Amino acid sequence: MRYLTFWQGAIALAIVPLLHWTFLGRTLAVSGRFSAIVDGFRHRKTKAEADTPMSEEELLAAIRAETSAAFGSEAIEEPSARAPAAASISLRPPDSLGMHVFFLGGLALGGFVSTVVTGSFVPSLWLRGELFANFVGPSSVSHALVPLVGGLLIGFGTRMAGGCTSGHGLCGVSQFQPGSLVATIGFFGMGVAVSFLIGALS
């Protein structure tokens, strides 16, 4: 199997968020879409509520309430009487639940198609790989437990860091956002360190 060179892979990865922004007008985010699906089921709105857009006053009140709940009322700075009036903002409605599902489904479909085209598709309930098998042993419980715990830790870290590899590594770093630079150094550095650790223990 022939893999792309590092520079070909870099160009391909750069094209993905650019196309996403060009056609959808939004920053690429995988964890954000997954969170939107979960929140959509947690806070389901009636059709009347969904069809009624939030006014700027209602949006401001909601932001103040959430800010006060998270950081305390002292975090809210009241506007000065002499301060100029804020410019009117134009809010784009969020994507529908179906669009989020379509996006994530496209990721899964793309991975499936690539394995079929390359002839490497082999159905399996466990992660394959000699290094992984040597590390976790022959137990089927270990084969299921390691990805489960790893997935939970990834989800926790993603929420704590305010984004995933696509949000920080592709979009945030390309915009030179300090938080994204730190997050990307953290998860890539830890990934390299853990891979060497697993190789040493196997």
Foldseek 3Di string as FASTA:
>chain_A
DDDDDPVVVVVVLLVVQVVCCVVPVDGDALLVLVVVLVVCVVDPDDPVVVVDDDDPVRVVVVVQVVCCVVPNNVVDDDDDPPDDDDDDDDDDDDDDNVVSVVVVVVVVVVVVVVCVVVVNDDDDPFDDDPLVCVQQDDDPCSRVVVVVVVVVVQSVVQVVLVGHCSRLVRPVVVVVPPSSVVVVCVVVVVVVVVVVVSVVVD
